[in-house]
Amino acid sequence: MRRIFFFFAIALIGLAILVSLGVWQVQRLAWKEALLADIDARISGAPGPLPTSPDPVEDRYRPVEISGEMLADELHVLVSRKRVGAGYRIIAPFRTGDRTILIDRGFVPTADKDVSRAIGLMTVSGNLHWPDEVDGFTPEPDIAGNIWFARDVQTMADALEAEPVLVILRSQTDPAITPLPVDTAGIPNDHLHYAVTWFGLALVWLAMTIFFLRRNRARTRS
């Protein structure tokens, strides 16, 4: 009898832990959905002027519209697009007033890496962003071949003698460049999957507990 009581107590504790983890993930799902909705609203807002000293946290995704001169230098960040294939993001310096910042003009196929692109005076709109794409596995850029493997804002700014401020364009600056605007598609939201997993484990735990208790009861009767 004591053995059954001990097993039943462990079963209840395990079930409570699994259910609580599932509930926690449901709460996290609600939090993440609200956060993504807020980011979507910020991204699609009316563009304003470029802040004097943009903050990577407070001004992330801020929509801006700026006028100035697109300069000729550019960096090529290797990327891949679904149903399109490999290509490059074009990162160029943009002079506005007495400042030079970075512009992510968008995507070109690999064959268009070194073709001439429209430069000069223009007005562009986009969103401020500081992508977190660099980790311990990111290769160093191929400076000689002008091939980068991540948008490292500070390093790219140093290479182009610009401020570490990146605007990812919504507007098109050249017919051959496809803008890749900021969106929330790349922000992971796996909390529903985790919640289903924890609740599923709770059901399996409960089923195993019931099975054990029934088998033990049958043995006792026999």
N, C-alpha and C. Protein backbone atom coordinates (compact mmCIF):
# COMPACT_ATOMS: atom_id res chain seq x y z
N MET A 1 0.83 -1.21 0.00
CA MET A 1 0.00 0.00 0.00
C MET A 1 0.87 1.26 0.00
N ARG A 2 1.95 1.21 0.80
CA ARG A 2 2.83 2.37 0.86
C ARG A 2 3.48 2.62 -0.50
N ARG A 3 3.83 1.53 -1.20
CA ARG A 3 4.45 1.65 -2.53
C ARG A 3 3.50 2.33 -3.52
N ILE A 4 2.22 1.95 -3.46
CA ILE A 4 1.23 2.55 -4.35
C ILE A 4 1.05 4.04 -4.02
N PHE A 5 1.02 4.37 -2.76
CA PHE A 5 0.86 5.77 -2.36
C PHE A 5 2.04 6.60 -2.85
N PHE A 6 3.25 6.04 -2.70
CA PHE A 6 4.44 6.76 -3.16
C PHE A 6 4.40 6.97 -4.67
N PHE A 7 4.03 5.93 -5.41
CA PHE A 7 3.94 6.05 -6.86
C PHE A 7 2.89 7.08 -7.26
N PHE A 8 1.73 7.06 -6.58
CA PHE A 8 0.65 8.00 -6.90
C PHE A 8 1.10 9.43 -6.65
N ALA A 9 1.84 9.66 -5.57
CA ALA A 9 2.33 11.01 -5.26
C ALA A 9 3.30 11.49 -6.34
N ILE A 10 4.23 10.61 -6.75
CA ILE A 10 5.18 10.97 -7.80
C ILE A 10 4.44 11.26 -9.10
N ALA A 11 3.41 10.46 -9.40
CA ALA A 11 2.64 10.66 -10.63
C ALA A 11 1.94 12.01 -10.64
N LEU A 12 1.36 12.38 -9.49
CA LEU A 12 0.67 13.68 -9.41
C LEU A 12 1.66 14.84 -9.53
N ILE A 13 2.80 14.70 -8.89
CA ILE A 13 3.81 15.77 -8.98
C ILE A 13 4.30 15.92 -10.43
N GLY A 14 4.60 14.81 -11.09
CA GLY A 14 5.04 14.86 -12.47
C GLY A 14 3.99 15.47 -13.38
N LEU A 15 2.74 15.06 -13.19
CA LEU A 15 1.65 15.61 -14.00
C LEU A 15 1.50 17.10 -13.78
N ALA A 16 1.60 17.54 -12.53
CA ALA A 16 1.47 18.96 -12.22
C ALA A 16 2.59 19.77 -12.88
N ILE A 17 3.81 19.22 -12.86
CA ILE A 17 4.93 19.93 -13.48
C ILE A 17 4.73 20.06 -14.99
N LEU A 18 4.33 18.97 -15.65
CA LEU A 18 4.14 19.00 -17.10
C LEU A 18 3.02 19.95 -17.50
N VAL A 19 1.91 19.93 -16.76
CA VAL A 19 0.79 20.83 -17.06
C VAL A 19 1.20 22.27 -16.84
N SER A 20 1.93 22.54 -15.75
CA SER A 20 2.35 23.92 -15.47
C SER A 20 3.29 24.44 -16.54
N LEU A 21 4.15 23.57 -17.07
CA LEU A 21 5.03 23.98 -18.16
C LEU A 21 4.22 24.30 -19.42
N GLY A 22 3.19 23.50 -19.69
CA GLY A 22 2.32 23.79 -20.83
C GLY A 22 1.59 25.11 -20.67
N VAL A 23 1.07 25.37 -19.46
CA VAL A 23 0.37 26.64 -19.19
C VAL A 23 1.33 27.81 -19.34
N TRP A 24 2.56 27.63 -18.85
CA TRP A 24 3.56 28.70 -18.97
C TRP A 24 3.84 29.02 -20.44
N GLN A 25 3.92 28.00 -21.29
CA GLN A 25 4.16 28.24 -22.70
C GLN A 25 2.97 28.93 -23.36
N VAL A 26 1.76 28.63 -22.92
CA VAL A 26 0.57 29.34 -23.44
C VAL A 26 0.66 30.81 -23.08
N GLN A 27 1.09 31.10 -21.85
CA GLN A 27 1.26 32.50 -21.43
C GLN A 27 2.35 33.18 -22.24
N ARG A 28 3.44 32.45 -22.48
CA ARG A 28 4.52 33.00 -23.30
C ARG A 28 4.06 33.24 -24.74
N LEU A 29 3.17 32.38 -25.25
CA LEU A 29 2.63 32.56 -26.59
C LEU A 29 1.85 33.86 -26.67
N ALA A 30 1.01 34.12 -25.67
CA ALA A 30 0.24 35.37 -25.67
C ALA A 30 1.17 36.58 -25.62
N TRP A 31 2.23 36.48 -24.79
CA TRP A 31 3.19 37.58 -24.70
C TRP A 31 3.89 37.80 -26.03
N LYS A 32 4.35 36.70 -26.69
CA LYS A 32 5.06 36.83 -27.95
C LYS A 32 4.17 37.38 -29.05
N GLU A 33 2.91 36.96 -29.10
CA GLU A 33 1.99 37.46 -30.12
C GLU A 33 1.74 38.95 -29.94
N ALA A 34 1.62 39.39 -28.69
CA ALA A 34 1.44 40.82 -28.42
C ALA A 34 2.69 41.59 -28.83
N LEU A 35 3.86 41.02 -28.55
CA LEU A 35 5.12 41.67 -28.92
C LEU A 35 5.24 41.78 -30.43
N LEU A 36 4.91 40.71 -31.16
CA LEU A 36 5.00 40.74 -32.61
C LEU A 36 4.01 41.74 -33.21
N ALA A 37 2.82 41.83 -32.61
CA ALA A 37 1.83 42.80 -33.09
C ALA A 37 2.35 44.22 -32.90
N ASP A 38 3.02 44.46 -31.77
CA ASP A 38 3.59 45.79 -31.51
C ASP A 38 4.70 46.10 -32.51
N ILE A 39 5.54 45.10 -32.81
CA ILE A 39 6.62 45.31 -33.77
C ILE A 39 6.06 45.56 -35.16
N ASP A 40 5.03 44.79 -35.55
CA ASP A 40 4.40 45.00 -36.86
C ASP A 40 3.84 46.41 -36.98
N ALA A 41 3.20 46.88 -35.91
CA ALA A 41 2.64 48.23 -35.92
C ALA A 41 3.75 49.27 -36.05
N ARG A 42 4.86 49.05 -35.36
CA ARG A 42 5.97 49.99 -35.42
C ARG A 42 6.60 49.99 -36.81
N ILE A 43 6.78 48.80 -37.40
CA ILE A 43 7.40 48.70 -38.71
C ILE A 43 6.58 49.43 -39.77
N SER A 44 5.27 49.25 -39.73
CA SER A 44 4.40 49.80 -40.78
C SER A 44 3.94 51.22 -40.51
N GLY A 45 4.45 51.84 -39.46
CA GLY A 45 4.04 53.21 -39.13
C GLY A 45 4.51 54.23 -40.16
N ALA A 46 4.00 55.43 -40.03
CA ALA A 46 4.40 56.51 -40.94
C ALA A 46 5.86 56.86 -40.70
N PRO A 47 6.66 56.98 -41.77
CA PRO A 47 8.08 57.29 -41.58
C PRO A 47 8.29 58.72 -41.10
N GLY A 48 9.30 58.89 -40.27
CA GLY A 48 9.66 60.20 -39.75
C GLY A 48 11.12 60.49 -40.06
N PRO A 49 11.66 61.57 -39.54
CA PRO A 49 13.06 61.90 -39.80
C PRO A 49 14.02 60.96 -39.08
N LEU A 50 15.23 60.90 -39.56
CA LEU A 50 16.27 60.09 -38.93
C LEU A 50 16.66 60.71 -37.60
N PRO A 51 16.61 59.96 -36.50
CA PRO A 51 17.01 60.51 -35.20
C PRO A 51 18.48 60.94 -35.22
N THR A 52 18.78 61.93 -34.40
CA THR A 52 20.16 62.43 -34.34
C THR A 52 21.11 61.36 -33.82
N SER A 53 20.71 60.68 -32.76
CA SER A 53 21.53 59.62 -32.18
C SER A 53 20.66 58.38 -31.98
N PRO A 54 20.44 57.59 -33.03
CA PRO A 54 19.55 56.43 -32.91
C PRO A 54 20.06 55.44 -31.87
N ASP A 55 19.13 54.89 -31.10
CA ASP A 55 19.47 53.90 -30.09
C ASP A 55 19.10 52.51 -30.61
N PRO A 56 20.03 51.55 -30.56
CA PRO A 56 19.75 50.21 -31.11
C PRO A 56 18.58 49.50 -30.46
N VAL A 57 18.20 49.89 -29.25
CA VAL A 57 17.06 49.26 -28.58
C VAL A 57 15.80 50.09 -28.78
N GLU A 58 15.86 51.35 -28.41
CA GLU A 58 14.67 52.20 -28.48
C GLU A 58 14.21 52.47 -29.91
N ASP A 59 15.16 52.53 -30.85
CA ASP A 59 14.81 52.92 -32.22
C ASP A 59 14.80 51.75 -33.20
N ARG A 60 14.93 50.53 -32.68
CA ARG A 60 14.87 49.36 -33.57
C ARG A 60 13.51 49.32 -34.27
N TYR A 61 13.53 49.16 -35.59
CA TYR A 61 12.34 49.08 -36.46
C TYR A 61 11.70 50.45 -36.71
N ARG A 62 12.25 51.53 -36.19
CA ARG A 62 11.65 52.85 -36.40
C ARG A 62 11.60 53.16 -37.90
N PRO A 63 10.42 53.53 -38.44
CA PRO A 63 10.35 53.91 -39.85
C PRO A 63 10.87 55.32 -40.07
N VAL A 64 11.69 55.49 -41.09
CA VAL A 64 12.28 56.79 -41.37
C VAL A 64 12.21 57.09 -42.87
N GLU A 65 12.25 58.37 -43.18
CA GLU A 65 12.37 58.82 -44.57
C GLU A 65 13.50 59.84 -44.61
N ILE A 66 14.46 59.63 -45.50
CA ILE A 66 15.62 60.50 -45.54
C ILE A 66 15.94 60.88 -46.99
N SER A 67 16.48 62.06 -47.12
CA SER A 67 16.92 62.53 -48.43
C SER A 67 18.43 62.74 -48.38
N GLY A 68 19.07 62.45 -49.50
CA GLY A 68 20.51 62.60 -49.54
C GLY A 68 21.08 62.00 -50.80
N GLU A 69 22.32 61.53 -50.70
CA GLU A 69 23.03 61.01 -51.87
C GLU A 69 23.47 59.57 -51.63
N MET A 70 23.03 58.68 -52.51
CA MET A 70 23.51 57.30 -52.48
C MET A 70 24.90 57.27 -53.11
N LEU A 71 25.87 56.80 -52.33
CA LEU A 71 27.25 56.79 -52.80
C LEU A 71 27.57 55.50 -53.54
N ALA A 72 28.69 55.51 -54.25
CA ALA A 72 28.99 54.40 -55.17
C ALA A 72 29.51 53.15 -54.46
N ASP A 73 30.20 53.31 -53.35
CA ASP A 73 30.73 52.13 -52.67
C ASP A 73 29.60 51.23 -52.19
N GLU A 74 29.87 49.93 -52.08
CA GLU A 74 28.87 49.01 -51.55
C GLU A 74 29.52 47.73 -51.07
N LEU A 75 28.84 47.07 -50.14
CA LEU A 75 29.24 45.76 -49.65
C LEU A 75 28.20 44.74 -50.04
N HIS A 76 28.62 43.50 -50.23
CA HIS A 76 27.73 42.44 -50.70
C HIS A 76 27.62 41.36 -49.63
N VAL A 77 26.41 41.17 -49.10
CA VAL A 77 26.16 40.18 -48.05
C VAL A 77 25.46 38.98 -48.68
N LEU A 78 26.11 37.83 -48.61
CA LEU A 78 25.57 36.63 -49.24
C LEU A 78 24.31 36.15 -48.51
N VAL A 79 23.23 35.97 -49.25
CA VAL A 79 21.96 35.49 -48.69
C VAL A 79 21.31 34.54 -49.69
N SER A 80 20.20 33.95 -49.27
CA SER A 80 19.43 33.09 -50.16
C SER A 80 17.95 33.39 -49.97
N ARG A 81 17.21 33.45 -51.06
CA ARG A 81 15.77 33.69 -51.01
C ARG A 81 15.03 32.46 -51.50
N LYS A 82 13.91 32.16 -50.83
CA LYS A 82 13.10 31.03 -51.25
C LYS A 82 12.60 31.23 -52.67
N ARG A 83 12.64 30.16 -53.44
CA ARG A 83 12.17 30.12 -54.83
C ARG A 83 12.95 31.08 -55.75
N VAL A 84 14.03 31.65 -55.24
CA VAL A 84 14.88 32.51 -56.07
C VAL A 84 16.31 31.98 -56.10
N GLY A 85 16.83 31.66 -54.94
CA GLY A 85 18.18 31.15 -54.86
C GLY A 85 19.14 32.14 -54.23
N ALA A 86 20.41 31.91 -54.46
CA ALA A 86 21.45 32.72 -53.82
C ALA A 86 21.55 34.08 -54.46
N GLY A 87 22.04 35.01 -53.69
CA GLY A 87 22.24 36.37 -54.16
C GLY A 87 22.90 37.20 -53.08
N TYR A 88 22.79 38.51 -53.20
CA TYR A 88 23.46 39.40 -52.26
C TYR A 88 22.54 40.54 -51.82
N ARG A 89 22.64 40.88 -50.56
CA ARG A 89 22.09 42.14 -50.09
C ARG A 89 23.12 43.23 -50.39
N ILE A 90 22.64 44.34 -50.91
CA ILE A 90 23.52 45.44 -51.25
C ILE A 90 23.50 46.46 -50.12
N ILE A 91 24.63 46.63 -49.46
CA ILE A 91 24.77 47.61 -48.37
C ILE A 91 25.62 48.75 -48.88
N ALA A 92 25.04 49.95 -48.87
CA ALA A 92 25.73 51.11 -49.46
C ALA A 92 25.75 52.27 -48.48
N PRO A 93 26.75 53.16 -48.59
CA PRO A 93 26.76 54.37 -47.78
C PRO A 93 25.81 55.42 -48.37
N PHE A 94 25.17 56.16 -47.49
CA PHE A 94 24.20 57.18 -47.91
C PHE A 94 24.52 58.45 -47.13
N ARG A 95 24.81 59.53 -47.87
CA ARG A 95 25.14 60.80 -47.23
C ARG A 95 23.88 61.66 -47.12
N THR A 96 23.54 62.02 -45.88
CA THR A 96 22.40 62.90 -45.65
C THR A 96 22.86 64.03 -44.74
N GLY A 97 22.86 65.25 -45.28
CA GLY A 97 23.42 66.37 -44.54
C GLY A 97 24.91 66.15 -44.32
N ASP A 98 25.35 66.27 -43.07
CA ASP A 98 26.76 66.05 -42.76
C ASP A 98 27.00 64.65 -42.18
N ARG A 99 26.05 63.73 -42.40
CA ARG A 99 26.16 62.38 -41.87
C ARG A 99 26.21 61.37 -43.01
N THR A 100 26.89 60.26 -42.76
CA THR A 100 26.87 59.13 -43.69
C THR A 100 26.45 57.89 -42.92
N ILE A 101 25.39 57.25 -43.38
CA ILE A 101 24.86 56.06 -42.73
C ILE A 101 24.86 54.90 -43.72
N LEU A 102 24.43 53.75 -43.27
CA LEU A 102 24.36 52.56 -44.12
C LEU A 102 22.93 52.36 -44.62
N ILE A 103 22.83 51.93 -45.86
CA ILE A 103 21.53 51.62 -46.46
C ILE A 103 21.56 50.17 -46.97
N ASP A 104 20.57 49.38 -46.55
CA ASP A 104 20.36 48.05 -47.12
C ASP A 104 19.39 48.23 -48.28
N ARG A 105 19.94 48.25 -49.50
CA ARG A 105 19.13 48.57 -50.67
C ARG A 105 18.24 47.40 -51.08
N GLY A 106 18.63 46.17 -50.74
CA GLY A 106 17.84 45.02 -51.11
C GLY A 106 18.67 43.93 -51.76
N PHE A 107 18.01 43.10 -52.54
CA PHE A 107 18.58 41.85 -53.06
C PHE A 107 18.85 41.91 -54.55
N VAL A 108 20.00 41.34 -54.94
CA VAL A 108 20.29 41.11 -56.36
C VAL A 108 20.76 39.67 -56.53
N PRO A 109 20.49 39.04 -57.68
CA PRO A 109 21.02 37.69 -57.93
C PRO A 109 22.54 37.71 -57.99
N THR A 110 23.15 36.54 -57.84
CA THR A 110 24.61 36.47 -57.85
C THR A 110 25.21 37.00 -59.15
N ALA A 111 24.48 36.81 -60.27
CA ALA A 111 25.00 37.26 -61.56
C ALA A 111 25.10 38.77 -61.64
N ASP A 112 24.34 39.49 -60.79
CA ASP A 112 24.33 40.95 -60.83
C ASP A 112 25.18 41.58 -59.73
N LYS A 113 26.05 40.79 -59.15
CA LYS A 113 26.85 41.28 -58.02
C LYS A 113 27.61 42.55 -58.36
N ASP A 114 28.24 42.60 -59.50
CA ASP A 114 29.15 43.70 -59.80
C ASP A 114 28.65 44.64 -60.90
N VAL A 115 27.36 44.60 -61.20
CA VAL A 115 26.84 45.52 -62.23
C VAL A 115 26.70 46.92 -61.62
N SER A 116 26.65 47.91 -62.49
CA SER A 116 26.47 49.29 -62.04
C SER A 116 25.05 49.50 -61.56
N ARG A 117 24.90 50.32 -60.51
CA ARG A 117 23.58 50.59 -59.96
C ARG A 117 23.36 52.09 -59.83
N ALA A 118 22.09 52.48 -59.77
CA ALA A 118 21.75 53.89 -59.67
C ALA A 118 22.30 54.47 -58.38
N ILE A 119 22.96 55.61 -58.49
CA ILE A 119 23.46 56.34 -57.32
C ILE A 119 23.06 57.79 -57.48
N GLY A 120 23.45 58.62 -56.54
CA GLY A 120 23.15 60.05 -56.62
C GLY A 120 22.05 60.46 -55.66
N LEU A 121 21.48 61.65 -55.92
CA LEU A 121 20.48 62.22 -55.04
C LEU A 121 19.17 61.45 -55.11
N MET A 122 18.59 61.15 -53.95
CA MET A 122 17.30 60.46 -53.89
C MET A 122 16.72 60.55 -52.49
N THR A 123 15.43 60.29 -52.40
CA THR A 123 14.75 60.20 -51.11
C THR A 123 14.31 58.76 -50.92
N VAL A 124 14.64 58.19 -49.77
CA VAL A 124 14.35 56.79 -49.51
C VAL A 124 13.60 56.64 -48.20
N SER A 125 12.88 55.53 -48.07
CA SER A 125 12.17 55.24 -46.83
C SER A 125 12.44 53.79 -46.43
N GLY A 126 12.50 53.57 -45.13
CA GLY A 126 12.76 52.23 -44.62
C GLY A 126 12.70 52.20 -43.11
N ASN A 127 13.33 51.20 -42.54
CA ASN A 127 13.29 51.02 -41.09
C ASN A 127 14.69 50.87 -40.52
N LEU A 128 14.94 51.52 -39.41
CA LEU A 128 16.19 51.34 -38.71
C LEU A 128 16.25 49.92 -38.15
N HIS A 129 17.43 49.33 -38.23
CA HIS A 129 17.57 47.97 -37.70
C HIS A 129 19.04 47.68 -37.41
N TRP A 130 19.24 46.88 -36.39
CA TRP A 130 20.58 46.41 -36.03
C TRP A 130 20.50 44.87 -35.99
N PRO A 131 20.60 44.22 -37.15
CA PRO A 131 20.41 42.76 -37.19
C PRO A 131 21.44 42.03 -36.31
N ASP A 132 20.96 41.00 -35.64
CA ASP A 132 21.83 40.17 -34.81
C ASP A 132 22.14 38.90 -35.58
N GLU A 133 23.12 38.98 -36.48
CA GLU A 133 23.40 37.87 -37.40
C GLU A 133 24.78 37.26 -37.19
N VAL A 134 25.55 37.79 -36.28
CA VAL A 134 26.93 37.33 -36.11
C VAL A 134 27.03 36.45 -34.87
N ASP A 135 27.64 35.27 -35.04
CA ASP A 135 27.93 34.41 -33.89
C ASP A 135 29.30 33.78 -34.09
N GLY A 136 29.64 32.84 -33.24
CA GLY A 136 30.97 32.24 -33.30
C GLY A 136 31.23 31.42 -34.55
N PHE A 137 30.17 31.10 -35.31
CA PHE A 137 30.32 30.29 -36.52
C PHE A 137 30.32 31.14 -37.80
N THR A 138 30.14 32.44 -37.67
CA THR A 138 30.08 33.30 -38.85
C THR A 138 31.47 33.49 -39.44
N PRO A 139 31.67 33.14 -40.72
CA PRO A 139 33.00 33.32 -41.32
C PRO A 139 33.37 34.80 -41.40
N GLU A 140 34.66 35.05 -41.41
CA GLU A 140 35.14 36.41 -41.63
C GLU A 140 34.83 36.83 -43.07
N PRO A 141 34.54 38.11 -43.29
CA PRO A 141 34.24 38.54 -44.66
C PRO A 141 35.43 38.37 -45.58
N ASP A 142 35.13 38.08 -46.83
CA ASP A 142 36.16 38.01 -47.87
C ASP A 142 36.32 39.42 -48.42
N ILE A 143 37.26 40.15 -47.86
CA ILE A 143 37.42 41.56 -48.23
C ILE A 143 37.82 41.69 -49.69
N ALA A 144 38.74 40.85 -50.13
CA ALA A 144 39.21 40.94 -51.51
C ALA A 144 38.08 40.69 -52.51
N GLY A 145 37.23 39.71 -52.21
CA GLY A 145 36.12 39.40 -53.10
C GLY A 145 34.86 40.17 -52.80
N ASN A 146 34.90 41.01 -51.77
CA ASN A 146 33.74 41.78 -51.32
C ASN A 146 32.53 40.88 -51.11
N ILE A 147 32.72 39.85 -50.28
CA ILE A 147 31.64 38.94 -49.92
C ILE A 147 31.57 38.87 -48.40
N TRP A 148 30.42 39.27 -47.87
CA TRP A 148 30.19 39.25 -46.43
C TRP A 148 29.16 38.17 -46.13
N PHE A 149 29.18 37.67 -44.90
CA PHE A 149 28.31 36.56 -44.55
C PHE A 149 27.30 36.93 -43.47
N ALA A 150 27.29 38.18 -43.06
CA ALA A 150 26.32 38.67 -42.07
C ALA A 150 26.33 40.19 -42.12
N ARG A 151 25.24 40.77 -41.69
CA ARG A 151 25.16 42.23 -41.61
C ARG A 151 25.67 42.67 -40.23
N ASP A 152 26.96 42.78 -40.13
CA ASP A 152 27.61 43.25 -38.91
C ASP A 152 27.70 44.77 -39.02
N VAL A 153 26.76 45.47 -38.39
CA VAL A 153 26.60 46.91 -38.63
C VAL A 153 27.87 47.68 -38.29
N GLN A 154 28.47 47.41 -37.15
CA GLN A 154 29.65 48.17 -36.76
C GLN A 154 30.81 47.94 -37.72
N THR A 155 31.07 46.68 -38.07
CA THR A 155 32.18 46.36 -38.96
C THR A 155 31.94 46.93 -40.36
N MET A 156 30.70 46.84 -40.86
CA MET A 156 30.39 47.40 -42.17
C MET A 156 30.52 48.92 -42.15
N ALA A 157 30.11 49.54 -41.06
CA ALA A 157 30.24 50.99 -40.94
C ALA A 157 31.70 51.40 -40.98
N ASP A 158 32.56 50.65 -40.29
CA ASP A 158 33.99 50.95 -40.32
C ASP A 158 34.53 50.82 -41.75
N ALA A 159 34.09 49.79 -42.47
CA ALA A 159 34.59 49.56 -43.82
C ALA A 159 34.17 50.67 -44.78
N LEU A 160 32.98 51.24 -44.55
CA LEU A 160 32.46 52.27 -45.45
C LEU A 160 32.57 53.68 -44.88
N GLU A 161 33.28 53.79 -43.74
CA GLU A 161 33.48 55.09 -43.09
C GLU A 161 32.14 55.80 -42.87
N ALA A 162 31.25 55.07 -42.22
CA ALA A 162 29.90 55.59 -41.95
C ALA A 162 29.56 55.38 -40.47
N GLU A 163 28.45 55.97 -40.05
CA GLU A 163 27.94 55.71 -38.71
C GLU A 163 27.40 54.28 -38.64
N PRO A 164 27.44 53.66 -37.47
CA PRO A 164 26.87 52.31 -37.32
C PRO A 164 25.35 52.37 -37.22
N VAL A 165 24.74 52.92 -38.28
CA VAL A 165 23.29 53.07 -38.37
C VAL A 165 22.85 52.48 -39.70
N LEU A 166 21.94 51.52 -39.66
CA LEU A 166 21.49 50.84 -40.87
C LEU A 166 20.01 51.06 -41.09
N VAL A 167 19.66 51.50 -42.29
CA VAL A 167 18.26 51.63 -42.70
C VAL A 167 17.98 50.57 -43.77
N ILE A 168 17.02 49.70 -43.49
CA ILE A 168 16.63 48.67 -44.45
C ILE A 168 15.46 49.22 -45.26
N LEU A 169 15.65 49.36 -46.55
CA LEU A 169 14.70 50.11 -47.37
C LEU A 169 13.40 49.36 -47.63
N ARG A 170 12.32 50.17 -47.66
CA ARG A 170 11.04 49.72 -48.21
C ARG A 170 10.96 50.12 -49.67
N SER A 171 11.54 51.28 -49.98
CA SER A 171 11.43 51.85 -51.32
C SER A 171 12.52 51.29 -52.23
N GLN A 172 12.22 51.29 -53.53
CA GLN A 172 13.17 50.77 -54.51
C GLN A 172 14.07 51.90 -55.00
N THR A 173 15.36 51.61 -55.10
CA THR A 173 16.32 52.63 -55.54
C THR A 173 16.94 52.30 -56.88
N ASP A 174 16.64 51.12 -57.40
CA ASP A 174 17.19 50.71 -58.69
C ASP A 174 16.28 49.59 -59.20
N PRO A 175 15.93 49.61 -60.50
CA PRO A 175 15.02 48.58 -61.02
C PRO A 175 15.54 47.16 -60.84
N ALA A 176 16.86 46.99 -60.74
CA ALA A 176 17.43 45.65 -60.65
C ALA A 176 17.56 45.16 -59.20
N ILE A 177 17.25 46.03 -58.23
CA ILE A 177 17.38 45.66 -56.82
C ILE A 177 15.99 45.45 -56.23
N THR A 178 15.77 44.32 -55.60
CA THR A 178 14.50 44.02 -54.94
C THR A 178 14.61 44.33 -53.45
N PRO A 179 13.88 45.33 -52.96
CA PRO A 179 13.96 45.62 -51.52
C PRO A 179 13.50 44.42 -50.69
N LEU A 180 14.14 44.24 -49.56
CA LEU A 180 13.77 43.19 -48.60
C LEU A 180 13.41 43.89 -47.29
N PRO A 181 12.21 44.43 -47.20
CA PRO A 181 11.84 45.23 -46.01
C PRO A 181 11.87 44.40 -44.74
N VAL A 182 11.99 45.10 -43.62
CA VAL A 182 11.94 44.46 -42.32
C VAL A 182 10.55 43.89 -42.09
N ASP A 183 10.47 42.69 -41.54
CA ASP A 183 9.19 42.12 -41.09
C ASP A 183 9.46 41.20 -39.91
N THR A 184 8.41 40.63 -39.36
CA THR A 184 8.55 39.79 -38.17
C THR A 184 8.66 38.30 -38.52
N ALA A 185 8.75 37.98 -39.81
CA ALA A 185 8.78 36.57 -40.21
C ALA A 185 9.98 35.83 -39.64
N GLY A 186 11.08 36.55 -39.45
CA GLY A 186 12.28 35.89 -38.96
C GLY A 186 12.39 35.81 -37.45
N ILE A 187 11.40 36.36 -36.73
CA ILE A 187 11.42 36.31 -35.27
C ILE A 187 10.75 35.01 -34.83
N PRO A 188 11.47 34.12 -34.16
CA PRO A 188 10.89 32.82 -33.81
C PRO A 188 9.73 32.95 -32.82
N ASN A 189 8.72 32.12 -33.03
CA ASN A 189 7.57 32.06 -32.11
C ASN A 189 7.11 30.60 -32.05
N ASP A 190 7.83 29.81 -31.25
CA ASP A 190 7.58 28.37 -31.18
C ASP A 190 6.81 27.98 -29.92
N HIS A 191 6.22 28.95 -29.23
CA HIS A 191 5.61 28.65 -27.94
C HIS A 191 4.39 27.73 -28.06
N LEU A 192 3.63 27.84 -29.16
CA LEU A 192 2.50 26.93 -29.35
C LEU A 192 3.00 25.49 -29.48
N HIS A 193 4.07 25.30 -30.24
CA HIS A 193 4.66 23.96 -30.39
C HIS A 193 5.11 23.42 -29.04
N TYR A 194 5.77 24.28 -28.27
CA TYR A 194 6.23 23.84 -26.95
C TYR A 194 5.06 23.49 -26.03
N ALA A 195 4.00 24.31 -26.08
CA ALA A 195 2.82 24.04 -25.23
C ALA A 195 2.19 22.70 -25.60
N VAL A 196 2.02 22.45 -26.89
CA VAL A 196 1.45 21.17 -27.34
C VAL A 196 2.33 20.01 -26.87
N THR A 197 3.65 20.21 -26.94
CA THR A 197 4.57 19.15 -26.51
C THR A 197 4.40 18.85 -25.03
N TRP A 198 4.37 19.89 -24.18
CA TRP A 198 4.23 19.66 -22.74
C TRP A 198 2.89 19.04 -22.38
N PHE A 199 1.81 19.54 -23.00
CA PHE A 199 0.49 18.96 -22.72
C PHE A 199 0.42 17.51 -23.23
N GLY A 200 1.06 17.25 -24.36
CA GLY A 200 1.10 15.87 -24.87
C GLY A 200 1.84 14.95 -23.92
N LEU A 201 2.96 15.42 -23.38
CA LEU A 201 3.70 14.63 -22.41
C LEU A 201 2.88 14.40 -21.14
N ALA A 202 2.09 15.42 -20.77
CA ALA A 202 1.23 15.25 -19.59
C ALA A 202 0.20 14.16 -19.82
N LEU A 203 -0.38 14.12 -21.03
CA LEU A 203 -1.36 13.07 -21.35
C LEU A 203 -0.70 11.69 -21.34
N VAL A 204 0.51 11.60 -21.90
CA VAL A 204 1.22 10.32 -21.88
C VAL A 204 1.52 9.89 -20.45
N TRP A 205 1.96 10.84 -19.64
CA TRP A 205 2.25 10.56 -18.22
C TRP A 205 0.99 10.05 -17.50
N LEU A 206 -0.15 10.72 -17.76
CA LEU A 206 -1.40 10.32 -17.13
C LEU A 206 -1.82 8.93 -17.59
N ALA A 207 -1.69 8.67 -18.90
CA ALA A 207 -2.06 7.35 -19.43
C ALA A 207 -1.19 6.25 -18.83
N MET A 208 0.12 6.52 -18.69
CA MET A 208 1.01 5.53 -18.11
C MET A 208 0.68 5.28 -16.63
N THR A 209 0.30 6.35 -15.94
CA THR A 209 -0.07 6.21 -14.53
C THR A 209 -1.32 5.34 -14.37
N ILE A 210 -2.33 5.62 -15.20
CA ILE A 210 -3.57 4.83 -15.15
C ILE A 210 -3.30 3.37 -15.50
N PHE A 211 -2.46 3.16 -16.52
CA PHE A 211 -2.12 1.80 -16.92
C PHE A 211 -1.43 1.04 -15.78
N PHE A 212 -0.48 1.69 -15.12
CA PHE A 212 0.24 1.05 -14.03
C PHE A 212 -0.70 0.71 -12.88
N LEU A 213 -1.58 1.69 -12.52
CA LEU A 213 -2.49 1.46 -11.41
C LEU A 213 -3.45 0.30 -11.72
N ARG A 214 -3.96 0.24 -12.96
CA ARG A 214 -4.87 -0.85 -13.32
C ARG A 214 -4.15 -2.19 -13.31
N ARG A 215 -2.92 -2.23 -13.81
CA ARG A 215 -2.18 -3.48 -13.82
C ARG A 215 -1.86 -3.95 -12.40
N ASN A 216 -1.50 -3.01 -11.56
CA ASN A 216 -1.20 -3.36 -10.17
C ASN A 216 -2.45 -3.85 -9.44
N ARG A 217 -3.60 -3.21 -9.77
CA ARG A 217 -4.86 -3.62 -9.15
C ARG A 217 -5.24 -5.04 -9.59
N ALA A 218 -5.01 -5.33 -10.86
CA ALA A 218 -5.33 -6.67 -11.36
C ALA A 218 -4.45 -7.73 -10.70
N ARG A 219 -3.19 -7.40 -10.49
CA ARG A 219 -2.29 -8.33 -9.83
C ARG A 219 -2.71 -8.57 -8.39
N THR A 220 -3.14 -7.49 -7.73
CA THR A 220 -3.58 -7.62 -6.32
C THR A 220 -4.79 -8.55 -6.21
N ARG A 221 -5.71 -8.43 -7.15
CA ARG A 221 -6.93 -9.26 -7.12
C ARG A 221 -6.62 -10.72 -7.39
N SER A 222 -5.64 -10.96 -8.26
CA SER A 222 -5.30 -12.33 -8.61
C SER A 222 -4.48 -12.99 -7.49
